[in-house]
């Protein structure tokens, strides 16, 4: 995330303004479209709910007509003496029985003729065991099967009601679902039941009364009190149980709400419901929001229109923004041509008022910067001269005193040749350090001064400490700061051999690509070393401190001259000796 923010921050002003405007346009377009769609959907749902409520009322009206037709059949059947006689009289002689059957069938034909175009199967079941079936297509089972059916038991327990039930029985026309209206037949003024009337209608014919009010995504379902879907325009749902729809219908009935929005089988739906008291059923209207709204709203067209609006707005913003920032971009382009270390690339004063003011300020800044750099360069030169003088003065007093004392002892012992050689080494060393005013010298000259210094120390303290030099031939003419190695040799002589007294010091100078690597390694006592990085400003950070300011000066001077990637590093361990590594850039010509 941070990298992306940095990339955005590094973009030009034109890019930032353009990106902000594009994001704003897209956001406003999406937000406006979303709000509009939500408001349209809400309005549509409200309108659709009102319309479907009226449709439910029409369906209820049609079902009530169907109910009253069944009531008329039940009344006419109950009032018919011929039907009563058929269901109550026992078997007599053939003539009487035939007359009874003929009268009953004639009466049933008259009743059925009043049904009209509705295809209803009528069944009669008497207490004398006799039965009548108007059409075997509606019931192919035996009267005993029907007598034992739970529908019959429920009807006989409520003789005053016309009950509606759902039937899906093997005996009913190969298992086709039916709606059955049943009524107990009893003698008026008494509770004596003499028969049962069954009126059967196929569910497919029953649902035909309201199928014209349904459509894809707009379904009607009729449920009984057990949650069984007794009828629906979706035939695959008939006979299944839906507790969720039953609970929704009861909730709407109790609260008097217009509709409920819920999720059924992973779909967002709108549920409208009403109670059918004559049937003791619930009529439920389920509307698939996504499907219905999909027909109302052309999503593809909306997306294309929004895309066109965004594209036109982005193009307009692009050209306007580019024109407004053109003068500023021109100025930025000119200022970017100021190359590194080139502070004389002055700007041409032209363009708009803001651009001219910036150009004048930039040119004034270059003048001030050139003056400052000149003064800074001179100050750094003076600082380096002072540091070099400090290093040179470090050698003079104490070292000269000890060296002359050693020469005096040699003369007293009669070692005139060695005394003479020591004096010559001292003279050469002083010439290279004090008389030579150059800031850098070659590796060969540095080694010559170093060997004189080592020789003088070996005269003073003996030859117990040996010094060996391993220098790559191609490094002899490389330029190094004067007195770069001497402080480390001095430190090794005076601090590395307190316990061992004898050992070796190795001076190794090699080239690693464009870097000159100088190493001073001893096999002396070593020390415990604290964590150290090459870029630290204190190369002597260890439990055993170094004496003098030479080593610190060398490191600080290298950082000042060449940068943080160069300088001094140290590795040391108790009993393992010490290794000093010096890295400087490869140079063969003395810098100005």
Protein backbone atom coordinates (compact mmCIF):
# COMPACT_ATOMS: atom_id res chain seq x y z
CA UNK A 1 0.00 0.00 0.00
CA UNK A 2 2.83 2.37 0.91
CA UNK A 3 4.59 1.71 -2.41
CA UNK A 4 1.40 2.55 -4.34
CA UNK A 5 0.93 5.78 -2.39
CA UNK A 6 4.54 6.76 -3.10
CA UNK A 7 4.06 6.08 -6.80
CA UNK A 8 0.95 8.25 -6.83
CA UNK A 9 2.78 11.00 -4.94
CA UNK A 10 5.56 10.96 -7.55
CA UNK A 11 3.16 11.60 -10.43
CA UNK A 12 2.95 14.97 -12.16
CA UNK A 13 0.37 17.60 -11.23
CA UNK A 14 -1.52 16.93 -14.46
CA UNK A 15 -1.66 13.19 -13.68
CA UNK A 16 -2.86 13.79 -10.13
CA UNK A 17 -5.59 16.24 -11.20
CA UNK A 18 -6.66 13.93 -14.02
CA UNK A 19 -6.76 10.85 -11.76
CA UNK A 20 -8.75 12.70 -9.10
CA UNK A 21 -11.24 13.97 -11.68
CA UNK A 22 -11.64 10.53 -13.30
CA UNK A 23 -12.20 8.87 -9.93
CA UNK A 24 -14.70 11.59 -9.00
CA UNK A 25 -16.62 11.24 -12.27
CA UNK A 26 -16.76 7.46 -12.03
CA UNK A 27 -17.77 7.58 -8.34
CA UNK A 28 -20.51 10.16 -8.92
CA UNK A 29 -21.84 8.25 -11.94
CA UNK A 30 -21.90 4.94 -10.08
CA UNK A 31 -23.44 6.51 -6.97
CA UNK A 32 -26.10 8.38 -8.95
CA UNK A 33 -26.96 5.30 -10.98
CA UNK A 34 -27.12 3.16 -7.86
CA UNK A 35 -29.39 5.61 -6.03
CA UNK A 36 -31.63 5.92 -9.08
CA UNK A 37 -31.85 2.15 -9.46
CA UNK A 38 -32.63 1.64 -5.79
CA UNK A 39 -35.37 4.27 -5.89
CA UNK A 40 -36.76 2.73 -9.08
CA UNK A 41 -36.69 -0.74 -7.54
CA UNK A 42 -38.42 0.50 -4.40
CA UNK A 43 -41.11 2.28 -6.41
CA UNK A 44 -41.53 -0.76 -8.61
CA UNK A 45 -41.88 -3.08 -5.62
CA UNK A 46 -44.51 -0.82 -4.10
CA UNK A 47 -46.43 -0.54 -7.38
CA UNK A 48 -46.10 -4.25 -8.09
CA UNK A 49 -47.28 -5.11 -4.59
CA UNK A 50 -50.38 -2.95 -4.97
CA UNK A 51 -51.14 -4.47 -8.37
CA UNK A 52 -50.64 -8.02 -7.14
CA UNK A 53 -52.81 -7.37 -4.08
CA UNK A 54 -55.64 -6.61 -6.45
CA UNK A 55 -54.83 -9.74 -8.43
CA UNK A 56 -54.99 -11.80 -5.23
CA UNK A 57 -58.43 -10.30 -4.58
CA UNK A 58 -59.54 -11.38 -8.05
CA UNK A 59 -58.20 -14.90 -7.48
CA UNK A 60 -60.02 -15.02 -4.13
CA UNK A 61 -63.21 -13.96 -5.85
CA UNK A 62 -62.87 -16.78 -8.40
CA UNK A 63 -62.13 -19.36 -5.69
CA UNK A 64 -65.15 -18.17 -3.68
CA UNK A 65 -67.34 -18.73 -6.73
CA UNK A 66 -65.92 -22.24 -6.98
CA UNK A 67 -66.71 -22.76 -3.29
CA UNK A 68 -70.30 -21.58 -3.59
CA UNK A 69 -70.77 -23.89 -6.56
CA UNK A 70 -69.65 -26.78 -4.35
CA UNK A 71 -71.96 -25.58 -1.58
CA UNK A 72 -74.91 -25.71 -4.01
CA UNK A 73 -73.98 -29.25 -5.00
CA UNK A 74 -73.76 -30.25 -1.34
CA UNK A 75 -77.15 -28.64 -0.54
CA UNK A 76 -78.92 -30.21 -3.52
CA UNK A 77 -77.42 -33.58 -2.69
CA UNK A 78 -78.44 -33.36 0.95
CA UNK A 79 -82.01 -32.34 0.01
CA UNK A 80 -82.51 -35.18 -2.46
CA UNK A 81 -84.69 -37.94 -1.03
CA UNK A 82 -83.66 -40.31 -3.81
CA UNK A 83 -80.00 -39.96 -2.88
CA UNK A 84 -80.83 -40.36 0.81
CA UNK A 85 -82.83 -43.50 0.11
CA UNK A 86 -80.00 -44.97 -1.94
CA UNK A 87 -77.48 -44.38 0.81
CA UNK A 88 -79.66 -45.59 3.66
CA UNK A 89 -81.94 -48.41 2.38
CA UNK A 90 -80.66 -51.95 2.59
CA UNK A 91 -80.83 -54.30 -0.39
CA UNK A 92 -84.40 -55.40 -1.28
CA UNK A 93 -85.88 -57.08 -4.31
CA UNK A 94 -84.34 -56.39 -7.67
CA UNK A 95 -87.16 -54.15 -8.89
CA UNK A 96 -87.03 -51.89 -5.85
CA UNK A 97 -83.24 -51.72 -5.93
CA UNK A 98 -83.23 -50.80 -9.61
CA UNK A 99 -85.78 -48.06 -9.06
CA UNK A 100 -83.73 -46.66 -6.20
CA UNK A 101 -80.54 -46.65 -8.28
CA UNK A 102 -82.30 -45.11 -11.26
CA UNK A 103 -83.81 -42.32 -9.17
CA UNK A 104 -80.46 -41.60 -7.52
CA UNK A 105 -78.56 -41.47 -10.84
CA UNK A 106 -81.22 -39.27 -12.40
CA UNK A 107 -80.95 -36.89 -9.49
CA UNK A 108 -77.13 -36.86 -9.68
CA UNK A 109 -77.24 -36.12 -13.42
CA UNK A 110 -79.45 -33.11 -12.75
CA UNK A 111 -77.10 -31.88 -10.04
CA UNK A 112 -74.04 -32.38 -12.24
CA UNK A 113 -75.69 -30.51 -15.10
CA UNK A 114 -75.70 -27.44 -12.89
CA UNK A 115 -71.90 -27.57 -12.52
CA UNK A 116 -71.40 -26.08 -15.98
CA UNK A 117 -68.02 -26.43 -17.67
CA UNK A 118 -66.14 -27.34 -14.51
CA UNK A 119 -64.90 -30.89 -14.57
CA UNK A 120 -65.65 -32.27 -11.13
CA UNK A 121 -65.89 -35.87 -10.05
CA UNK A 122 -68.61 -36.62 -7.49
CA UNK A 123 -68.46 -39.60 -5.11
CA UNK A 124 -71.07 -40.76 -2.63
CA UNK A 125 -70.46 -43.16 0.22
CA UNK A 126 -73.41 -44.35 2.35
CA UNK A 127 -73.67 -45.88 5.76
CA UNK A 128 -75.28 -48.93 4.17
CA UNK A 129 -72.02 -49.60 2.28
CA UNK A 130 -73.37 -48.44 -1.07
CA UNK A 131 -71.38 -45.94 -3.16
CA UNK A 132 -71.67 -43.90 -6.29
CA UNK A 133 -68.87 -42.58 -8.54
CA UNK A 134 -69.69 -40.24 -11.41
CA UNK A 135 -66.36 -40.85 -13.16
CA UNK A 136 -63.87 -43.61 -12.45
CA UNK A 137 -61.06 -41.37 -13.72
CA UNK A 138 -61.26 -39.50 -10.42
CA UNK A 139 -61.23 -42.51 -8.14
CA UNK A 140 -60.26 -46.00 -9.12
CA UNK A 141 -60.02 -47.45 -5.64
CA UNK A 142 -62.58 -49.30 -3.57
CA UNK A 143 -65.15 -47.61 -1.29
CA UNK A 144 -63.36 -49.17 1.68
CA UNK A 145 -60.13 -47.38 0.73
CA UNK A 146 -61.98 -44.10 0.68
CA UNK A 147 -63.76 -44.91 3.92
CA UNK A 148 -60.41 -45.36 5.66
CA UNK A 149 -58.86 -42.22 4.18
CA UNK A 150 -58.05 -39.45 6.74
CA UNK A 151 -60.23 -37.10 4.66
CA UNK A 152 -63.31 -39.14 5.56
CA UNK A 153 -62.42 -39.24 9.24
CA UNK A 154 -61.94 -35.48 9.32
CA UNK A 155 -65.22 -34.88 7.46
CA UNK A 156 -67.25 -37.07 9.79
CA UNK A 157 -65.77 -35.28 12.81
CA UNK A 158 -67.02 -31.93 11.47
CA UNK A 159 -70.37 -32.71 9.84
CA UNK A 160 -71.46 -29.09 9.59
CA UNK A 161 -68.57 -27.95 7.40
CA UNK A 162 -67.57 -28.28 3.79
CA UNK A 163 -63.91 -29.29 4.13
CA UNK A 164 -61.20 -28.94 1.51
CA UNK A 165 -58.27 -31.37 1.46
CA UNK A 166 -55.29 -32.24 -0.71
CA UNK A 167 -55.10 -35.75 -2.10
CA UNK A 168 -52.26 -37.43 -3.91
CA UNK A 169 -53.16 -41.10 -3.75
CA UNK A 170 -52.36 -44.04 -5.97
CA UNK A 171 -56.07 -44.72 -6.24
CA UNK A 172 -56.68 -41.26 -7.66
CA UNK A 173 -56.00 -41.47 -11.36
CA UNK A 174 -52.40 -42.76 -11.29
CA UNK A 175 -51.37 -40.49 -8.46
CA UNK A 176 -52.37 -37.15 -10.01
CA UNK A 177 -52.90 -34.54 -7.24
CA UNK A 178 -56.49 -33.53 -6.44
CA UNK A 179 -58.34 -31.08 -4.33
CA UNK A 180 -61.26 -32.75 -2.55
CA UNK A 181 -64.29 -30.95 -1.10
CA UNK A 182 -66.04 -33.26 1.33
CA UNK A 183 -69.28 -32.90 3.27
CA UNK A 184 -71.05 -35.22 5.70
CA UNK A 185 -74.71 -35.91 4.79
CA UNK A 186 -77.07 -36.04 7.77
CA UNK A 187 -80.78 -35.85 8.45
CA UNK A 188 -81.89 -32.25 9.27
CA UNK A 189 -82.83 -31.77 12.89
CA UNK A 190 -80.69 -34.72 14.01
CA UNK A 191 -77.03 -35.67 14.11
CA UNK A 192 -77.55 -38.95 12.28
CA UNK A 193 -75.05 -39.14 9.37
CA UNK A 194 -76.15 -41.33 6.52
CA UNK A 195 -73.41 -40.66 3.98
CA UNK A 196 -70.45 -38.63 2.76
CA UNK A 197 -70.19 -36.45 -0.35
CA UNK A 198 -66.85 -36.02 -2.12
CA UNK A 199 -66.28 -33.48 -4.92
CA UNK A 200 -62.90 -33.95 -6.64
CA UNK A 201 -61.15 -31.59 -9.03
CA UNK A 202 -57.77 -32.09 -10.59
CA UNK A 203 -55.14 -29.63 -9.33
CA UNK A 204 -54.23 -28.75 -12.93
CA UNK A 205 -57.85 -27.71 -13.55
CA UNK A 206 -58.11 -25.95 -10.20
CA UNK A 207 -54.96 -23.89 -10.86
CA UNK A 208 -56.33 -22.94 -14.28
CA UNK A 209 -58.62 -20.48 -12.53
CA UNK A 210 -55.66 -18.27 -11.64
CA UNK A 211 -52.86 -19.25 -14.06
CA UNK A 212 -53.67 -16.27 -16.25
CA UNK A 213 -52.59 -13.98 -13.40
CA UNK A 214 -49.11 -15.54 -13.11
CA UNK A 215 -45.92 -15.11 -15.10
CA UNK A 216 -42.24 -16.00 -14.95
CA UNK A 217 -40.96 -14.89 -11.55
CA UNK A 218 -44.52 -14.12 -10.39
CA UNK A 219 -45.91 -17.31 -8.84
CA UNK A 220 -49.07 -18.15 -6.90
CA UNK A 221 -49.15 -20.90 -4.29
CA UNK A 222 -52.05 -22.14 -2.13
CA UNK A 223 -51.07 -23.74 1.19
CA UNK A 224 -53.08 -25.62 3.79
CA UNK A 225 -52.59 -25.28 7.54
CA UNK A 226 -49.80 -27.89 7.45
CA UNK A 227 -47.72 -25.91 4.97
CA UNK A 228 -48.42 -28.29 2.07
CA UNK A 229 -48.63 -26.53 -1.28
CA UNK A 230 -51.98 -27.87 -2.51
CA UNK A 231 -51.97 -25.85 -5.75
CA UNK A 232 -49.55 -23.67 -7.71
CA UNK A 233 -48.75 -22.56 -11.23
CA UNK A 234 -45.40 -24.26 -10.66
CA UNK A 235 -46.39 -27.91 -10.88
CA UNK A 236 -43.12 -29.21 -9.43
CA UNK A 237 -43.92 -27.57 -6.08
CA UNK A 238 -47.39 -29.11 -5.69
CA UNK A 239 -47.43 -31.52 -2.76
CA UNK A 240 -44.24 -30.18 -1.18
CA UNK A 241 -44.09 -28.59 2.26
CA UNK A 242 -42.88 -25.00 2.81
CA UNK A 243 -42.86 -23.95 6.44
CA UNK A 244 -41.16 -20.71 5.46
CA UNK A 245 -44.02 -19.63 3.19
CA UNK A 246 -46.60 -20.73 5.80
CA UNK A 247 -44.88 -18.65 8.49
CA UNK A 248 -44.74 -15.66 6.13
CA UNK A 249 -48.47 -15.97 5.35
CA UNK A 250 -49.37 -16.19 9.05
CA UNK A 251 -47.13 -13.22 9.85
CA UNK A 252 -48.77 -11.05 7.19
CA UNK A 253 -52.23 -12.13 8.41
CA UNK A 254 -51.41 -11.28 12.03
CA UNK A 255 -49.61 -7.98 11.38
CA UNK A 256 -51.75 -6.81 8.48
CA UNK A 257 -48.63 -6.01 6.46
CA UNK A 258 -48.73 -5.50 2.73
CA UNK A 259 -45.69 -7.66 1.86
CA UNK A 260 -42.49 -9.22 3.12
CA UNK A 261 -39.05 -9.22 1.50
CA UNK A 262 -37.08 -12.37 2.25
CA UNK A 263 -34.75 -14.98 0.80
CA UNK A 264 -36.07 -18.37 -0.33
CA UNK A 265 -33.77 -21.01 -1.80
CA UNK A 266 -31.06 -18.42 -2.39
CA UNK A 267 -33.38 -15.96 -4.16
CA UNK A 268 -34.56 -12.54 -3.03
CA UNK A 269 -38.35 -12.55 -3.20
CA UNK A 270 -41.36 -10.41 -2.28
CA UNK A 271 -44.14 -12.32 -0.55
CA UNK A 272 -47.81 -11.24 -0.56
CA UNK A 273 -50.39 -13.42 1.21
CA UNK A 274 -54.05 -13.59 2.20
CA UNK A 275 -56.23 -16.02 4.09
CA UNK A 276 -59.02 -18.01 2.39
CA UNK A 277 -61.47 -18.65 5.27
CA UNK A 278 -63.92 -20.64 3.10
CA UNK A 279 -61.13 -23.12 2.23
CA UNK A 280 -59.02 -22.70 5.40
CA UNK A 281 -56.09 -22.16 2.99
CA UNK A 282 -53.56 -19.41 2.48
CA UNK A 283 -53.00 -17.88 -0.93
CA UNK A 284 -49.39 -16.73 -1.34
CA UNK A 285 -47.94 -14.64 -4.16
CA UNK A 286 -44.13 -15.01 -4.52
CA UNK A 287 -42.32 -12.48 -6.70
CA UNK A 288 -38.69 -13.07 -7.75
CA UNK A 289 -37.17 -9.58 -7.43
CA UNK A 290 -34.15 -10.17 -9.63
CA UNK A 291 -36.11 -11.78 -12.43
CA UNK A 292 -38.95 -9.29 -12.43
CA UNK A 293 -36.64 -6.30 -12.08
CA UNK A 294 -34.47 -7.75 -14.82
CA UNK A 295 -37.41 -7.48 -17.20
CA UNK A 296 -38.12 -3.95 -16.04
CA UNK A 297 -34.51 -2.68 -16.05
CA UNK A 298 -32.21 -3.27 -19.00
CA UNK A 299 -28.92 -3.61 -17.11
CA UNK A 300 -26.83 -3.82 -20.27
CA UNK A 301 -28.33 -0.60 -21.63
CA UNK A 302 -27.78 1.18 -18.30
CA UNK A 303 -24.13 0.06 -18.22
CA UNK A 304 -23.56 1.20 -21.81
CA UNK A 305 -25.14 4.61 -21.16
CA UNK A 306 -23.11 5.12 -17.95
CA UNK A 307 -19.93 4.05 -19.75
CA UNK A 308 -20.61 6.52 -22.56
CA UNK A 309 -21.24 9.36 -20.08
CA UNK A 310 -18.05 8.56 -18.15
CA UNK A 311 -15.97 8.31 -21.35
CA UNK A 312 -17.24 11.67 -22.64
CA UNK A 313 -16.65 13.34 -19.26
CA UNK A 314 -13.13 11.86 -18.98
CA UNK A 315 -12.17 13.11 -22.45
CA UNK A 316 -13.49 16.58 -21.66
CA UNK A 317 -11.61 16.68 -18.34
CA UNK A 318 -8.44 15.40 -20.05
CA UNK A 319 -8.31 18.18 -22.63
CA UNK A 320 -9.27 20.94 -20.17
CA UNK A 321 -6.76 19.80 -17.54
CA UNK A 322 -3.99 19.36 -20.10
CA UNK A 323 -4.55 22.88 -21.45
CA UNK A 324 -4.59 24.46 -17.98
CA UNK A 325 -1.36 22.74 -16.89
CA UNK A 326 0.53 23.17 -20.16
CA UNK A 327 2.55 26.23 -19.07
CA UNK A 328 3.49 24.61 -15.76
CA UNK A 329 4.54 21.37 -17.46
CA UNK A 330 6.76 23.38 -19.81
CA UNK A 331 8.48 24.99 -16.82
CA UNK A 332 8.96 21.64 -15.09
CA UNK A 333 10.46 20.17 -18.24
CA UNK A 334 12.98 23.01 -18.47
CA UNK A 335 13.92 22.75 -14.80
CA UNK A 336 14.44 18.99 -15.13
CA UNK A 337 17.15 19.70 -17.71
CA UNK A 338 19.37 21.07 -14.96
CA UNK A 339 21.80 18.16 -14.80
CA UNK A 340 23.67 17.03 -11.70
CA UNK A 341 26.49 19.40 -10.66
CA UNK A 342 25.52 21.77 -13.48
CA UNK A 343 24.31 24.93 -11.79
CA UNK A 344 24.66 27.26 -14.78
CA UNK A 345 21.58 26.09 -16.68
CA UNK A 346 19.51 29.26 -16.20
CA UNK A 347 15.86 29.44 -17.20
CA UNK A 348 14.47 31.61 -19.99
CA UNK A 349 11.90 33.97 -18.49
CA UNK A 350 8.73 33.49 -20.55
CA UNK A 351 5.19 32.12 -20.39
CA UNK A 352 2.38 33.06 -18.02
CA UNK A 353 2.73 35.31 -14.99
CA UNK A 354 3.14 32.32 -12.64
CA UNK A 355 5.74 30.73 -14.93
CA UNK A 356 7.77 33.96 -15.21
CA UNK A 357 7.78 34.40 -11.45
CA UNK A 358 8.98 30.81 -10.96
CA UNK A 359 11.70 31.27 -13.61
CA UNK A 360 13.03 34.42 -11.94
CA UNK A 361 13.05 32.67 -8.56
CA UNK A 362 14.85 29.66 -10.03
CA UNK A 363 17.56 31.82 -11.63
CA UNK A 364 18.05 33.70 -8.37
CA UNK A 365 18.35 30.37 -6.56
CA UNK A 366 21.09 29.25 -8.99
CA UNK A 367 23.07 32.44 -8.30
CA UNK A 368 22.84 31.90 -4.55
CA UNK A 369 23.65 28.21 -4.89
CA UNK A 370 26.78 28.84 -6.96
CA UNK A 371 28.05 31.34 -4.37
CA UNK A 372 27.32 28.89 -1.54
CA UNK A 373 29.06 25.99 -3.31
CA UNK A 374 32.18 28.07 -3.94
CA UNK A 375 32.37 29.00 -0.27
CA UNK A 376 31.65 25.41 0.82
CA UNK A 377 34.39 23.96 -1.40
CA UNK A 378 36.91 26.40 0.01
CA UNK A 379 35.81 25.62 3.55
CA UNK A 380 36.19 21.87 2.98
CA UNK A 381 39.68 22.37 1.58
CA UNK A 382 40.68 24.33 4.66
CA UNK A 383 39.18 21.66 6.88
CA UNK A 384 41.14 18.88 5.17
CA UNK A 385 44.34 20.89 5.42
CA UNK A 386 43.73 21.36 9.14
CA UNK A 387 43.08 17.64 9.64
CA UNK A 388 46.21 16.72 7.72
CA UNK A 389 48.22 19.19 9.82
CA UNK A 390 46.80 17.57 12.97
CA UNK A 391 47.94 14.15 11.77
CA UNK A 392 51.38 15.50 10.94
CA UNK A 393 51.71 17.20 14.31
CA UNK A 394 50.68 13.93 16.01
CA UNK A 395 53.93 12.32 14.80
CA UNK A 396 56.26 15.11 15.79
CA UNK A 397 56.79 15.56 19.55
CA UNK A 398 56.58 12.19 21.25
CA UNK A 399 57.74 10.13 18.27
CA UNK A 400 60.77 12.41 17.62
CA UNK A 401 61.74 12.33 21.28
CA UNK A 402 61.66 8.52 21.47
CA UNK A 403 63.42 8.11 18.13
CA UNK A 404 66.28 10.50 19.05
CA UNK A 405 66.60 8.76 22.43
CA UNK A 406 66.96 5.44 20.61
CA UNK A 407 69.62 6.93 18.30
CA UNK A 408 71.49 8.24 21.35
CA UNK A 409 71.50 4.75 22.87
CA UNK A 410 72.75 3.25 19.61
CA UNK A 411 75.60 5.77 19.45
CA UNK A 412 76.58 5.06 23.06
CA UNK A 413 76.63 1.33 22.22
CA UNK A 414 78.80 1.99 19.23
CA UNK A 415 76.16 0.90 16.67
CA UNK A 416 76.98 3.83 14.45
CA UNK A 417 75.74 2.24 11.21
CA UNK A 418 72.39 1.35 12.68
CA UNK A 419 72.13 4.82 14.24
CA UNK A 420 72.89 6.37 10.86
CA UNK A 421 70.28 4.18 9.15
CA UNK A 422 67.74 5.15 11.79
CA UNK A 423 68.43 8.85 11.29
CA UNK A 424 68.05 8.45 7.51
CA UNK A 425 64.71 6.66 8.01
CA UNK A 426 63.55 9.45 10.31
CA UNK A 427 64.56 12.12 7.79
CA UNK A 428 62.68 10.35 4.96
CA UNK A 429 59.63 9.90 7.13
CA UNK A 430 59.58 13.60 8.10
CA UNK A 431 60.05 14.62 4.47
CA UNK A 432 57.03 12.56 3.35
CA UNK A 433 54.78 13.65 6.18
CA UNK A 434 55.70 17.21 7.00
CA UNK A 435 57.36 18.61 3.92
CA UNK A 436 54.97 17.03 1.40
CA UNK A 437 51.92 19.31 1.24
CA UNK A 438 49.96 17.09 -1.17
CA UNK A 439 46.69 15.70 0.20
CA UNK A 440 47.02 12.32 -1.58
CA UNK A 441 50.07 10.28 -2.50
CA UNK A 442 50.63 6.98 -4.29
CA UNK A 443 50.47 3.63 -2.55
CA UNK A 444 54.17 3.26 -3.26
CA UNK A 445 54.98 6.50 -1.39
CA UNK A 446 52.68 5.57 1.49
CA UNK A 447 54.41 2.18 1.80
CA UNK A 448 57.84 3.84 1.79
CA UNK A 449 56.86 6.09 4.72
CA UNK A 450 55.25 3.11 6.45
CA UNK A 451 58.42 1.01 6.15
CA UNK A 452 60.51 3.84 7.64
CA UNK A 453 58.05 4.08 10.52
CA UNK A 454 58.19 0.29 11.10
CA UNK A 455 61.98 0.28 10.94
CA UNK A 456 62.26 3.03 13.58
CA UNK A 457 59.82 1.19 15.90
CA UNK A 458 61.74 -2.07 15.48
CA UNK A 459 64.95 -0.24 16.41
CA UNK A 460 63.24 1.09 19.54
CA UNK A 461 61.41 -2.09 20.65
CA UNK A 462 63.19 -4.92 18.91
CA UNK A 463 62.29 -7.26 16.08
CA UNK A 464 59.75 -9.38 17.98
CA UNK A 465 56.97 -7.94 15.83
CA UNK A 466 57.46 -8.67 12.13
CA UNK A 467 55.75 -6.69 9.39
CA UNK A 468 55.12 -8.21 5.93
CA UNK A 469 53.72 -6.41 2.89
CA UNK A 470 51.52 -8.01 0.22
CA UNK A 471 50.77 -5.41 -2.45
CA UNK A 472 49.32 -6.07 -5.87
CA UNK A 473 51.65 -4.50 -8.47
CA UNK A 474 48.79 -2.68 -10.21
CA UNK A 475 48.03 -0.89 -6.93
CA UNK A 476 51.38 0.84 -6.50
CA UNK A 477 50.35 3.93 -8.47
CA UNK A 478 46.90 4.22 -6.93
CA UNK A 479 46.22 7.42 -5.01
CA UNK A 480 45.50 7.26 -1.26
CA UNK A 481 45.15 9.97 1.43
CA UNK A 482 48.45 10.68 3.10
CA UNK A 483 49.03 8.99 6.50
CA UNK A 484 46.12 6.59 5.92
CA UNK A 485 47.87 3.40 7.10
CA UNK A 486 50.31 4.71 9.74
CA UNK A 487 47.74 5.06 12.61
CA UNK A 488 46.72 1.39 12.27
CA UNK A 489 50.33 0.14 12.25
CA UNK A 490 50.97 2.26 15.32
CA UNK A 491 47.91 0.84 17.06
CA UNK A 492 49.00 -2.74 16.27
CA UNK A 493 52.55 -2.10 17.58
CA UNK A 494 51.46 -0.60 20.89
CA UNK A 495 48.24 -2.46 21.73
CA UNK A 496 48.11 -5.83 19.94
CA UNK A 497 51.02 -7.62 21.62
CA UNK A 498 50.80 -7.14 25.38
CA UNK A 499 50.43 -10.86 26.15
CA UNK A 500 52.15 -12.51 23.19
CA UNK A 501 55.04 -10.01 22.84
CA UNK A 502 55.87 -11.46 19.40
CA UNK A 503 53.88 -11.85 16.23
CA UNK A 504 53.21 -10.62 12.74
CA UNK A 505 51.54 -7.65 11.14
CA UNK A 506 50.41 -8.03 7.53
CA UNK A 507 49.72 -5.12 5.20
CA UNK A 508 47.62 -6.29 2.23
CA UNK A 509 46.64 -3.97 -0.62
CA UNK A 510 44.43 -5.21 -3.49
CA UNK A 511 41.93 -3.94 -6.02
CA UNK A 512 38.26 -5.02 -6.08
CA UNK A 513 36.83 -3.63 -9.33
CA UNK A 514 36.64 0.13 -8.73
CA UNK A 515 37.57 -0.08 -5.03
CA UNK A 516 41.01 -0.07 -3.44
CA UNK A 517 41.06 -2.40 -0.42
CA UNK A 518 43.78 -1.99 2.22
CA UNK A 519 43.98 -4.44 5.14
CA UNK A 520 46.12 -4.34 8.28
CA UNK A 521 46.00 -7.76 9.99
CA UNK A 522 47.79 -8.86 13.16
CA UNK A 523 47.84 -12.13 15.09
CA UNK A 524 48.06 -10.38 18.43
CA UNK A 525 45.92 -10.47 21.57
CA UNK A 526 42.68 -9.32 19.95
CA UNK A 527 39.72 -7.91 21.88
CA UNK A 528 36.00 -8.25 22.51
CA UNK A 529 34.28 -6.14 19.89
CA UNK A 530 30.87 -4.50 20.09
CA UNK A 531 28.57 -4.60 17.00
CA UNK A 532 30.02 -2.33 14.32
CA UNK A 533 28.96 -1.12 10.89
CA UNK A 534 31.20 0.28 8.21
CA UNK A 535 29.17 3.49 8.04
CA UNK A 536 29.61 4.29 11.73
CA UNK A 537 31.37 7.51 12.66
CA UNK A 538 33.29 5.79 15.45
CA UNK A 539 35.52 2.98 14.10
CA UNK A 540 37.12 2.54 17.53
CA UNK A 541 33.92 1.36 19.21
CA UNK A 542 35.37 -1.55 21.25
CA UNK A 543 35.97 -2.47 24.88
CA UNK A 544 39.72 -1.83 24.46
CA UNK A 545 40.09 1.76 23.21
CA UNK A 546 42.70 2.91 20.71
CA UNK A 547 45.05 5.71 21.62
CA UNK A 548 45.34 8.94 19.71
CA UNK A 549 43.01 10.61 17.28
CA UNK A 550 44.64 9.18 14.15
CA UNK A 551 42.27 6.26 13.53
CA UNK A 552 39.15 8.35 14.06
CA UNK A 553 40.55 11.06 11.82
CA UNK A 554 41.29 8.55 9.07
CA UNK A 555 37.74 7.22 9.07
CA UNK A 556 36.12 10.66 9.27
CA UNK A 557 38.38 11.95 6.53
CA UNK A 558 37.48 9.04 4.24
CA UNK A 559 33.77 9.64 4.81
CA UNK A 560 34.21 13.32 4.05
CA UNK A 561 36.24 12.67 0.90
CA UNK A 562 34.45 9.68 -0.62
CA UNK A 563 31.04 9.16 1.00
CA UNK A 564 29.38 6.71 3.38
CA UNK A 565 29.99 3.63 1.25
CA UNK A 566 33.71 3.94 2.01
CA UNK A 567 35.69 4.09 5.26
CA UNK A 568 37.16 1.84 7.94
CA UNK A 569 35.80 -1.41 9.43
CA UNK A 570 37.26 -3.66 12.10
CA UNK A 571 37.02 -7.35 13.03
CA UNK A 572 38.58 -8.65 16.25
CA UNK A 573 38.27 -11.44 18.82
CA UNK A 574 40.10 -12.41 22.00
CA UNK A 575 43.16 -14.44 21.09
CA UNK A 576 42.36 -14.22 17.39
CA UNK A 577 44.03 -10.96 16.44
CA UNK A 578 42.59 -7.91 14.74
CA UNK A 579 41.76 -7.10 11.12
CA UNK A 580 41.36 -3.51 9.88
CA UNK A 581 39.83 -3.03 6.43
CA UNK A 582 40.02 0.30 4.58
CA UNK A 583 38.01 0.89 1.42
CA UNK A 584 38.42 3.89 -0.87
CA UNK A 585 37.57 4.46 -4.55
CA UNK A 586 40.17 3.47 -7.14
CA UNK A 587 42.11 6.52 -8.33
CA UNK A 588 45.37 6.71 -10.26
CA UNK A 589 45.61 10.50 -10.68
CA UNK A 590 45.88 12.94 -7.83
CA UNK A 591 42.60 14.85 -7.47
CA UNK A 592 42.64 18.60 -7.93
